[in-house]
Amino acid sequence: MAILKKNAFSRRVPDLVTEELVAVLSRRSSFEFKQLFDIVHENLRARNAASGGEEMLRLRAYEKLQNLVARGAVRKNGKKYKGLPSALANAIAQQNGHLAGVR
């Protein structure tokens, strides 16, 4: 049986939902998820990047937000979410393939 080699590299596309979540949560104010999603959805529509339907986008945004909470980049207090700017910057750098302080 022949083993196929993959010679071409694959490039990951930027995660626009996480980028928008980080941008909004970096504003130093608290948001409930509905408010946060409305802002993120409007920003993605302005960038022509809101595809797949609003409900699917809502699910993806909630999943990405919970991942940021689990990584410690966002603090959840009841139903409000507040971003921690330094942790958010580190999280977005890791997502884009950069490690802070490592060359």
N, C-alpha and C. Protein backbone atom coordinates (compact mmCIF):
# COMPACT_ATOMS: atom_id res chain seq x y z
N MET A 1 0.84 -1.17 0.00
CA MET A 1 0.00 0.00 0.00
C MET A 1 0.89 1.23 0.00
N ALA A 2 0.63 2.15 -0.89
CA ALA A 2 1.44 3.36 -1.03
C ALA A 2 1.03 4.40 0.02
N ILE A 3 2.03 5.10 0.51
CA ILE A 3 1.79 6.18 1.46
C ILE A 3 1.83 7.50 0.68
N LEU A 4 0.76 8.25 0.82
CA LEU A 4 0.69 9.52 0.12
C LEU A 4 1.35 10.60 0.95
N LYS A 5 2.21 11.38 0.29
CA LYS A 5 2.85 12.50 0.97
C LYS A 5 2.10 13.77 0.61
N LYS A 6 1.95 14.58 1.58
CA LYS A 6 1.30 15.87 1.35
C LYS A 6 2.41 16.91 1.22
N ASN A 7 2.66 17.37 0.03
CA ASN A 7 3.74 18.31 -0.21
C ASN A 7 3.31 19.75 0.01
N ALA A 8 2.06 20.03 -0.19
CA ALA A 8 1.59 21.41 -0.03
C ALA A 8 1.28 21.68 1.44
N PHE A 9 1.57 22.88 1.86
CA PHE A 9 1.25 23.23 3.24
C PHE A 9 -0.14 23.83 3.28
N SER A 10 -0.77 23.69 4.43
CA SER A 10 -2.10 24.29 4.57
C SER A 10 -1.98 25.51 5.48
N ARG A 11 -2.65 26.56 5.11
CA ARG A 11 -2.60 27.79 5.88
C ARG A 11 -3.95 27.98 6.55
N ARG A 12 -3.91 28.19 7.85
CA ARG A 12 -5.14 28.41 8.57
C ARG A 12 -5.61 29.85 8.33
N VAL A 13 -6.87 29.99 8.09
CA VAL A 13 -7.44 31.32 7.89
C VAL A 13 -7.64 31.96 9.26
N PRO A 14 -7.59 33.26 9.34
CA PRO A 14 -7.79 33.91 10.63
C PRO A 14 -9.20 33.68 11.16
N ASP A 15 -9.30 33.53 12.46
CA ASP A 15 -10.58 33.31 13.10
C ASP A 15 -11.21 34.68 13.38
N LEU A 16 -12.07 35.12 12.49
CA LEU A 16 -12.64 36.46 12.58
C LEU A 16 -13.57 36.62 13.77
N VAL A 17 -14.24 35.55 14.16
CA VAL A 17 -15.16 35.64 15.31
C VAL A 17 -14.37 35.93 16.58
N THR A 18 -13.27 35.21 16.79
CA THR A 18 -12.45 35.45 17.97
C THR A 18 -11.82 36.84 17.92
N GLU A 19 -11.37 37.26 16.74
CA GLU A 19 -10.79 38.60 16.61
C GLU A 19 -11.79 39.67 17.02
N GLU A 20 -13.03 39.55 16.57
CA GLU A 20 -14.05 40.54 16.91
C GLU A 20 -14.41 40.47 18.40
N LEU A 21 -14.49 39.26 18.96
CA LEU A 21 -14.76 39.13 20.40
C LEU A 21 -13.68 39.83 21.21
N VAL A 22 -12.43 39.62 20.83
CA VAL A 22 -11.31 40.24 21.54
C VAL A 22 -11.36 41.75 21.40
N ALA A 23 -11.67 42.23 20.20
CA ALA A 23 -11.73 43.68 19.98
C ALA A 23 -12.81 44.32 20.84
N VAL A 24 -13.96 43.69 20.93
CA VAL A 24 -15.06 44.26 21.72
C VAL A 24 -14.77 44.15 23.22
N LEU A 25 -14.26 43.01 23.65
CA LEU A 25 -14.01 42.80 25.07
C LEU A 25 -12.81 43.60 25.59
N SER A 26 -12.01 44.12 24.70
CA SER A 26 -10.87 44.94 25.11
C SER A 26 -11.27 46.36 25.49
N ARG A 27 -12.54 46.69 25.39
CA ARG A 27 -13.02 48.05 25.66
C ARG A 27 -13.15 48.37 27.15
N ARG A 28 -12.81 47.46 28.03
CA ARG A 28 -12.85 47.67 29.48
C ARG A 28 -14.25 47.87 30.03
N SER A 29 -15.25 47.30 29.40
CA SER A 29 -16.59 47.34 29.96
C SER A 29 -17.17 45.93 29.94
N SER A 30 -18.19 45.70 30.75
CA SER A 30 -18.81 44.38 30.85
C SER A 30 -20.00 44.30 29.90
N PHE A 31 -20.21 43.10 29.38
CA PHE A 31 -21.30 42.87 28.44
C PHE A 31 -22.03 41.59 28.82
N GLU A 32 -23.34 41.57 28.64
CA GLU A 32 -24.06 40.31 28.64
C GLU A 32 -23.88 39.71 27.25
N PHE A 33 -24.12 38.40 27.13
CA PHE A 33 -23.83 37.76 25.85
C PHE A 33 -24.65 38.35 24.71
N LYS A 34 -25.91 38.66 24.95
CA LYS A 34 -26.75 39.20 23.87
C LYS A 34 -26.19 40.52 23.35
N GLN A 35 -25.81 41.42 24.25
CA GLN A 35 -25.21 42.69 23.84
C GLN A 35 -23.91 42.45 23.08
N LEU A 36 -23.09 41.57 23.63
CA LEU A 36 -21.80 41.26 23.01
C LEU A 36 -21.99 40.68 21.61
N PHE A 37 -22.92 39.75 21.48
CA PHE A 37 -23.15 39.14 20.17
C PHE A 37 -23.67 40.15 19.17
N ASP A 38 -24.57 41.04 19.60
CA ASP A 38 -25.10 42.05 18.68
C ASP A 38 -23.99 42.92 18.12
N ILE A 39 -23.05 43.32 18.96
CA ILE A 39 -21.93 44.15 18.50
C ILE A 39 -21.01 43.35 17.56
N VAL A 40 -20.68 42.12 17.95
CA VAL A 40 -19.81 41.27 17.14
C VAL A 40 -20.47 40.99 15.79
N HIS A 41 -21.76 40.68 15.80
CA HIS A 41 -22.48 40.37 14.55
C HIS A 41 -22.49 41.59 13.62
N GLU A 42 -22.74 42.76 14.18
CA GLU A 42 -22.75 43.99 13.36
C GLU A 42 -21.35 44.25 12.77
N ASN A 43 -20.31 44.05 13.56
CA ASN A 43 -18.94 44.25 13.07
C ASN A 43 -18.60 43.25 11.96
N LEU A 44 -19.02 42.00 12.12
CA LEU A 44 -18.75 41.00 11.10
C LEU A 44 -19.54 41.28 9.82
N ARG A 45 -20.76 41.76 9.96
CA ARG A 45 -21.55 42.12 8.78
C ARG A 45 -20.91 43.29 8.04
N ALA A 46 -20.35 44.23 8.80
CA ALA A 46 -19.67 45.37 8.17
C ALA A 46 -18.43 44.91 7.40
N ARG A 47 -17.78 43.86 7.88
CA ARG A 47 -16.60 43.31 7.20
C ARG A 47 -16.97 42.29 6.14
N ASN A 48 -18.28 42.05 5.96
CA ASN A 48 -18.80 41.04 5.03
C ASN A 48 -18.25 39.66 5.38
N ALA A 49 -18.21 39.36 6.68
CA ALA A 49 -17.66 38.08 7.14
C ALA A 49 -18.66 37.28 7.96
N ALA A 50 -19.92 37.68 7.98
CA ALA A 50 -20.95 36.97 8.74
C ALA A 50 -21.65 35.99 7.81
N SER A 51 -21.11 34.79 7.72
CA SER A 51 -21.71 33.80 6.83
C SER A 51 -22.19 32.60 7.65
N GLY A 52 -23.07 31.83 7.09
CA GLY A 52 -23.55 30.62 7.75
C GLY A 52 -24.80 30.81 8.56
N GLY A 53 -25.38 31.98 8.58
CA GLY A 53 -26.61 32.21 9.32
C GLY A 53 -26.35 32.74 10.71
N GLU A 54 -27.31 33.49 11.21
CA GLU A 54 -27.13 34.16 12.51
C GLU A 54 -27.07 33.16 13.67
N GLU A 55 -27.90 32.12 13.63
CA GLU A 55 -27.91 31.16 14.74
C GLU A 55 -26.60 30.38 14.82
N MET A 56 -26.07 30.00 13.68
CA MET A 56 -24.79 29.28 13.67
C MET A 56 -23.67 30.19 14.16
N LEU A 57 -23.72 31.44 13.75
CA LEU A 57 -22.73 32.41 14.21
C LEU A 57 -22.84 32.63 15.71
N ARG A 58 -24.07 32.66 16.23
CA ARG A 58 -24.28 32.82 17.67
C ARG A 58 -23.66 31.65 18.44
N LEU A 59 -23.85 30.44 17.93
CA LEU A 59 -23.27 29.26 18.57
C LEU A 59 -21.74 29.30 18.54
N ARG A 60 -21.19 29.68 17.38
CA ARG A 60 -19.73 29.78 17.27
C ARG A 60 -19.17 30.84 18.20
N ALA A 61 -19.86 31.98 18.27
CA ALA A 61 -19.39 33.07 19.15
C ALA A 61 -19.44 32.65 20.61
N TYR A 62 -20.50 31.93 21.01
CA TYR A 62 -20.61 31.48 22.39
C TYR A 62 -19.50 30.48 22.72
N GLU A 63 -19.23 29.57 21.78
CA GLU A 63 -18.16 28.60 21.99
C GLU A 63 -16.80 29.29 22.12
N LYS A 64 -16.53 30.25 21.25
CA LYS A 64 -15.26 30.99 21.30
C LYS A 64 -15.16 31.78 22.61
N LEU A 65 -16.27 32.37 23.05
CA LEU A 65 -16.28 33.12 24.30
C LEU A 65 -15.99 32.20 25.48
N GLN A 66 -16.57 31.01 25.50
CA GLN A 66 -16.32 30.07 26.59
C GLN A 66 -14.87 29.59 26.58
N ASN A 67 -14.28 29.46 25.39
CA ASN A 67 -12.86 29.11 25.31
C ASN A 67 -11.99 30.21 25.90
N LEU A 68 -12.35 31.48 25.64
CA LEU A 68 -11.60 32.60 26.22
C LEU A 68 -11.76 32.64 27.74
N VAL A 69 -12.94 32.29 28.24
CA VAL A 69 -13.17 32.23 29.68
C VAL A 69 -12.32 31.12 30.28
N ALA A 70 -12.29 29.97 29.64
CA ALA A 70 -11.51 28.83 30.14
C ALA A 70 -10.01 29.13 30.15
N ARG A 71 -9.53 29.92 29.18
CA ARG A 71 -8.11 30.28 29.13
C ARG A 71 -7.75 31.42 30.07
N GLY A 72 -8.75 32.02 30.71
CA GLY A 72 -8.49 33.08 31.66
C GLY A 72 -8.36 34.46 31.04
N ALA A 73 -8.75 34.60 29.78
CA ALA A 73 -8.65 35.90 29.11
C ALA A 73 -9.90 36.75 29.33
N VAL A 74 -10.99 36.11 29.75
CA VAL A 74 -12.25 36.80 30.01
C VAL A 74 -12.76 36.35 31.37
N ARG A 75 -13.24 37.31 32.14
CA ARG A 75 -13.80 37.01 33.45
C ARG A 75 -15.32 37.01 33.33
N LYS A 76 -15.95 35.97 33.88
CA LYS A 76 -17.41 35.88 33.87
C LYS A 76 -17.90 36.14 35.28
N ASN A 77 -18.80 37.11 35.42
CA ASN A 77 -19.39 37.43 36.71
C ASN A 77 -20.90 37.39 36.54
N GLY A 78 -21.52 36.30 36.95
CA GLY A 78 -22.95 36.11 36.71
C GLY A 78 -23.19 35.92 35.22
N LYS A 79 -23.93 36.84 34.61
CA LYS A 79 -24.18 36.77 33.17
C LYS A 79 -23.34 37.78 32.40
N LYS A 80 -22.46 38.48 33.08
CA LYS A 80 -21.64 39.52 32.43
C LYS A 80 -20.24 38.99 32.15
N TYR A 81 -19.71 39.42 31.00
CA TYR A 81 -18.36 39.04 30.59
C TYR A 81 -17.51 40.30 30.50
N LYS A 82 -16.30 40.21 31.04
CA LYS A 82 -15.37 41.34 30.99
C LYS A 82 -14.00 40.81 30.57
N GLY A 83 -13.43 41.44 29.56
CA GLY A 83 -12.13 41.01 29.06
C GLY A 83 -10.99 41.56 29.90
N LEU A 84 -9.94 40.77 30.00
CA LEU A 84 -8.70 41.20 30.66
C LEU A 84 -7.72 41.54 29.54
N PRO A 85 -7.44 42.84 29.32
CA PRO A 85 -6.71 43.27 28.12
C PRO A 85 -5.38 42.55 27.86
N SER A 86 -4.55 42.38 28.87
CA SER A 86 -3.26 41.73 28.63
C SER A 86 -3.44 40.27 28.26
N ALA A 87 -4.38 39.59 28.91
CA ALA A 87 -4.63 38.19 28.60
C ALA A 87 -5.27 38.04 27.22
N LEU A 88 -6.11 39.00 26.84
CA LEU A 88 -6.73 38.96 25.51
C LEU A 88 -5.68 39.14 24.42
N ALA A 89 -4.75 40.05 24.64
CA ALA A 89 -3.69 40.26 23.65
C ALA A 89 -2.86 39.00 23.49
N ASN A 90 -2.57 38.32 24.58
CA ASN A 90 -1.82 37.08 24.53
C ASN A 90 -2.61 35.99 23.83
N ALA A 91 -3.91 35.92 24.10
CA ALA A 91 -4.76 34.89 23.49
C ALA A 91 -4.85 35.07 21.98
N ILE A 92 -4.99 36.30 21.53
CA ILE A 92 -5.11 36.54 20.09
C ILE A 92 -3.77 36.30 19.39
N ALA A 93 -2.67 36.58 20.09
CA ALA A 93 -1.35 36.31 19.51
C ALA A 93 -1.14 34.81 19.35
N GLN A 94 -1.56 34.03 20.33
CA GLN A 94 -1.44 32.57 20.23
C GLN A 94 -2.32 32.04 19.11
N GLN A 95 -3.52 32.60 18.96
CA GLN A 95 -4.43 32.15 17.92
C GLN A 95 -3.85 32.40 16.54
N ASN A 96 -3.14 33.51 16.38
CA ASN A 96 -2.56 33.85 15.08
C ASN A 96 -1.23 33.16 14.84
N GLY A 97 -0.79 32.33 15.77
CA GLY A 97 0.44 31.59 15.58
C GLY A 97 1.67 32.26 16.11
N HIS A 98 1.54 33.33 16.84
CA HIS A 98 2.68 34.04 17.41
C HIS A 98 2.74 33.71 18.89
N LEU A 99 3.94 33.56 19.38
CA LEU A 99 4.12 33.37 20.82
C LEU A 99 4.75 34.63 21.36
N ALA A 100 4.15 35.18 22.38
CA ALA A 100 4.64 36.43 22.95
C ALA A 100 6.05 36.26 23.51
N GLY A 101 6.97 37.07 23.06
CA GLY A 101 8.32 37.08 23.58
C GLY A 101 9.23 35.98 23.03
N VAL A 102 8.78 35.14 22.11
CA VAL A 102 9.59 34.05 21.58
C VAL A 102 9.87 34.34 20.12
N ARG A 103 11.12 34.22 19.73
CA ARG A 103 11.48 34.39 18.31
C ARG A 103 12.23 33.19 17.82
